[in-house]
Amino acid sequence: MQNYKLIPYPRKITERAGCFCAEIGNVFEVFLGGESEHISFVTDENLSREEYKLEIAESGITIASSGEKGRINGVSTLAQIVKQFGGKLPCVIIRDKPRLPIRMVLSVLKLCSADKCT
């Protein structure tokens, strides 16, 4: 299995034989209304609000979701895979949804001097 470096790490990754070998450009531009002959977005009402299914096949890439939140999550995962693998993406099916009702990244800032915290 490939060593996928994804944040957050998806619930399920199913690898398939082959690779998608083409430059797809800026994934976020495609999401924002650009065109791509390689990426398609599909509405699947069976998926929950933030859930998505990303399928990378030799013939192209499909992101299925029930709405915008799931699409954003799928695009974010695809962008990380493109960054990691470049123009030779492994064929894979990724399914993910938040483990909790709210998905977030926790950031803690500590403002301290040598002898005093604020």
C-alpha atoms as a PDB file:
ATOM      1  CA  MET A   1       0.000   0.000   0.000  1.00  0.00           C
ATOM      2  CA  GLN A   2       1.161   3.518  -0.827  1.00  0.00           C
ATOM      3  CA  ASN A   3       2.174   5.783   2.028  1.00  0.00           C
ATOM      4  CA  TYR A   4      -0.488   8.476   1.692  1.00  0.00           C
ATOM      5  CA  LYS A   5       0.299  11.683   3.580  1.00  0.00           C
ATOM      6  CA  LEU A   6      -3.201  13.084   4.053  1.00  0.00           C
ATOM      7  CA  ILE A   7      -4.663  15.362   6.712  1.00  0.00           C
ATOM      8  CA  PRO A   8      -7.165  14.419   7.947  1.00  0.00           C
ATOM      9  CA  TYR A   9      -6.443  10.776   7.160  1.00  0.00           C
ATOM     10  CA  PRO A  10      -9.484   9.206   5.417  1.00  0.00           C
ATOM     11  CA  ARG A  11     -11.562   6.459   6.973  1.00  0.00           C
ATOM     12  CA  LYS A  12     -11.172   4.119   3.992  1.00  0.00           C
ATOM     13  CA  ILE A  13      -8.628   3.879   1.157  1.00  0.00           C
ATOM     14  CA  THR A  14      -9.008   1.119  -1.424  1.00  0.00           C
ATOM     15  CA  GLU A  15      -6.112   0.827  -3.854  1.00  0.00           C
ATOM     16  CA  ARG A  16      -6.628  -0.403  -7.392  1.00  0.00           C
ATOM     17  CA  ALA A  17      -4.243  -1.387 -10.148  1.00  0.00           C
ATOM     18  CA  GLY A  18      -2.966   1.264 -12.528  1.00  0.00           C
ATOM     19  CA  CYS A  19      -2.428   4.997 -12.432  1.00  0.00           C
ATOM     20  CA  PHE A  20      -3.944   8.178 -13.786  1.00  0.00           C
ATOM     21  CA  CYS A  21      -1.187   9.807 -15.789  1.00  0.00           C
ATOM     22  CA  ALA A  22      -2.000  13.355 -16.860  1.00  0.00           C
ATOM     23  CA  GLU A  23      -1.418  16.862 -15.619  1.00  0.00           C
ATOM     24  CA  ILE A  24      -4.665  18.122 -14.126  1.00  0.00           C
ATOM     25  CA  GLY A  25      -3.566  21.644 -13.244  1.00  0.00           C
ATOM     26  CA  ASN A  26      -4.729  23.512 -10.189  1.00  0.00           C
ATOM     27  CA  VAL A  27      -7.367  21.375  -8.467  1.00  0.00           C
ATOM     28  CA  PHE A  28      -8.848  24.353  -6.613  1.00  0.00           C
ATOM     29  CA  GLU A  29      -9.314  26.353  -9.836  1.00  0.00           C
ATOM     30  CA  VAL A  30     -11.295  23.432 -11.255  1.00  0.00           C
ATOM     31  CA  PHE A  31     -13.426  23.389  -8.095  1.00  0.00           C
ATOM     32  CA  LEU A  32     -14.099  27.113  -8.345  1.00  0.00           C
ATOM     33  CA  GLY A  33     -15.556  26.802 -11.828  1.00  0.00           C
ATOM     34  CA  GLY A  34     -12.637  26.105 -14.101  1.00  0.00           C
ATOM     35  CA  GLU A  35     -12.875  23.296 -16.590  1.00  0.00           C
ATOM     36  CA  SER A  36     -11.085  19.982 -16.666  1.00  0.00           C
ATOM     37  CA  GLU A  37     -11.563  17.076 -18.980  1.00  0.00           C
ATOM     38  CA  HIS A  38     -10.161  14.820 -16.253  1.00  0.00           C
ATOM     39  CA  ILE A  39     -12.182  15.763 -13.114  1.00  0.00           C
ATOM     40  CA  SER A  40     -15.924  15.368 -12.689  1.00  0.00           C
ATOM     41  CA  PHE A  41     -18.153  16.228  -9.728  1.00  0.00           C
ATOM     42  CA  VAL A  42     -21.169  14.022  -9.018  1.00  0.00           C
ATOM     43  CA  THR A  43     -24.048  14.588  -6.595  1.00  0.00           C
ATOM     44  CA  ASP A  44     -24.858  11.549  -4.446  1.00  0.00           C
ATOM     45  CA  GLU A  45     -27.721  12.185  -2.011  1.00  0.00           C
ATOM     46  CA  ASN A  46     -26.854   8.943  -0.154  1.00  0.00           C
ATOM     47  CA  LEU A  47     -23.715  10.596   1.259  1.00  0.00           C
ATOM     48  CA  SER A  48     -23.898  12.677   4.440  1.00  0.00           C
ATOM     49  CA  ARG A  49     -23.288  16.451   4.450  1.00  0.00           C
ATOM     50  CA  GLU A  50     -19.464  16.424   4.658  1.00  0.00           C
ATOM     51  CA  GLU A  51     -18.860  12.926   3.285  1.00  0.00           C
ATOM     52  CA  TYR A  52     -17.202  12.335  -0.077  1.00  0.00           C
ATOM     53  CA  LYS A  53     -16.032   9.555  -2.342  1.00  0.00           C
ATOM     54  CA  LEU A  54     -12.936  10.296  -4.425  1.00  0.00           C
ATOM     55  CA  GLU A  55     -12.206   7.858  -7.232  1.00  0.00           C
ATOM     56  CA  ILE A  56      -9.005   8.079  -9.237  1.00  0.00           C
ATOM     57  CA  ALA A  57      -9.137   5.733 -12.229  1.00  0.00           C
ATOM     58  CA  GLU A  58      -7.005   5.408 -15.354  1.00  0.00           C
ATOM     59  CA  SER A  59      -9.776   7.186 -17.288  1.00  0.00           C
ATOM     60  CA  GLY A  60     -10.242  10.155 -14.936  1.00  0.00           C
ATOM     61  CA  ILE A  61     -11.125  11.459 -11.491  1.00  0.00           C
ATOM     62  CA  THR A  62     -14.577  11.619  -9.893  1.00  0.00           C
ATOM     63  CA  ILE A  63     -15.546  13.327  -6.644  1.00  0.00           C
ATOM     64  CA  ALA A  64     -18.990  12.356  -5.358  1.00  0.00           C
ATOM     65  CA  SER A  65     -20.704  14.254  -2.536  1.00  0.00           C
ATOM     66  CA  SER A  66     -24.152  15.377  -1.462  1.00  0.00           C
ATOM     67  CA  GLY A  67     -23.164  19.049  -1.438  1.00  0.00           C
ATOM     68  CA  GLU A  68     -20.525  21.730  -1.168  1.00  0.00           C
ATOM     69  CA  LYS A  69     -18.971  20.656   2.166  1.00  0.00           C
ATOM     70  CA  GLY A  70     -18.259  17.145   0.896  1.00  0.00           C
ATOM     71  CA  ARG A  71     -16.959  18.521  -2.412  1.00  0.00           C
ATOM     72  CA  ILE A  72     -14.544  20.806  -0.565  1.00  0.00           C
ATOM     73  CA  ASN A  73     -13.270  17.888   1.517  1.00  0.00           C
ATOM     74  CA  GLY A  74     -12.828  15.729  -1.596  1.00  0.00           C
ATOM     75  CA  VAL A  75     -10.991  18.484  -3.461  1.00  0.00           C
ATOM     76  CA  SER A  76      -8.701  19.035  -0.461  1.00  0.00           C
ATOM     77  CA  THR A  77      -7.784  15.345  -0.416  1.00  0.00           C
ATOM     78  CA  LEU A  78      -7.216  15.310  -4.184  1.00  0.00           C
ATOM     79  CA  ALA A  79      -4.964  18.387  -3.934  1.00  0.00           C
ATOM     80  CA  GLN A  80      -2.832  16.630  -1.313  1.00  0.00           C
ATOM     81  CA  ILE A  81      -2.529  13.523  -3.515  1.00  0.00           C
ATOM     82  CA  VAL A  82      -1.555  15.649  -6.541  1.00  0.00           C
ATOM     83  CA  LYS A  83       1.081  17.415  -4.439  1.00  0.00           C
ATOM     84  CA  GLN A  84       2.451  14.073  -3.228  1.00  0.00           C
ATOM     85  CA  PHE A  85       2.411  12.116  -6.504  1.00  0.00           C
ATOM     86  CA  GLY A  86       2.565  14.777  -9.239  1.00  0.00           C
ATOM     87  CA  GLY A  87       1.280  13.765 -12.674  1.00  0.00           C
ATOM     88  CA  LYS A  88       1.187  10.027 -11.925  1.00  0.00           C
ATOM     89  CA  LEU A  89      -1.648   9.453  -9.457  1.00  0.00           C
ATOM     90  CA  PRO A  90      -2.292   5.966  -8.086  1.00  0.00           C
ATOM     91  CA  CYS A  91      -5.714   4.508  -8.867  1.00  0.00           C
ATOM     92  CA  VAL A  92      -7.614   4.571  -5.609  1.00  0.00           C
ATOM     93  CA  ILE A  93     -11.053   4.962  -4.068  1.00  0.00           C
ATOM     94  CA  ILE A  94     -11.146   7.121  -0.943  1.00  0.00           C
ATOM     95  CA  ARG A  95     -14.219   7.473   1.246  1.00  0.00           C
ATOM     96  CA  ASP A  96     -14.278   9.819   4.171  1.00  0.00           C
ATOM     97  CA  LYS A  97     -16.559  11.742   6.486  1.00  0.00           C
ATOM     98  CA  PRO A  98     -15.948  13.472   9.785  1.00  0.00           C
ATOM     99  CA  ARG A  99     -15.689  11.211  12.810  1.00  0.00           C
ATOM    100  CA  LEU A 100     -17.367  13.945  14.877  1.00  0.00           C
ATOM    101  CA  PRO A 101     -20.199  16.295  13.896  1.00  0.00           C
ATOM    102  CA  ILE A 102     -17.714  19.184  13.585  1.00  0.00           C
ATOM    103  CA  ARG A 103     -14.425  18.828  11.697  1.00  0.00           C
ATOM    104  CA  MET A 104     -11.699  21.195  12.840  1.00  0.00           C
ATOM    105  CA  VAL A 105      -8.005  21.607  13.418  1.00  0.00           C
ATOM    106  CA  LEU A 106      -6.947  22.527  16.928  1.00  0.00           C
ATOM    107  CA  SER A 107      -4.275  25.164  17.230  1.00  0.00           C
ATOM    108  CA  VAL A 108      -2.910  26.236  20.583  1.00  0.00           C
ATOM    109  CA  LEU A 109      -0.827  29.360  20.955  1.00  0.00           C
ATOM    110  CA  LYS A 110       1.147  29.936  24.101  1.00  0.00           C
ATOM    111  CA  LEU A 111       2.168  33.514  24.712  1.00  0.00           C
ATOM    112  CA  CYS A 112       4.852  33.451  27.360  1.00  0.00           C
ATOM    113  CA  SER A 113       7.965  35.345  28.225  1.00  0.00           C
ATOM    114  CA  ALA A 114      10.715  33.839  30.352  1.00  0.00           C
ATOM    115  CA  ASP A 115       8.853  34.509  33.604  1.00  0.00           C
ATOM    116  CA  LYS A 116       5.297  35.486  32.667  1.00  0.00           C
ATOM    117  CA  CYS A 117       2.485  34.022  30.571  1.00  0.00           C
ATOM    118  CA  THR A 118      -0.285  36.214  29.224  1.00  0.00           C
END
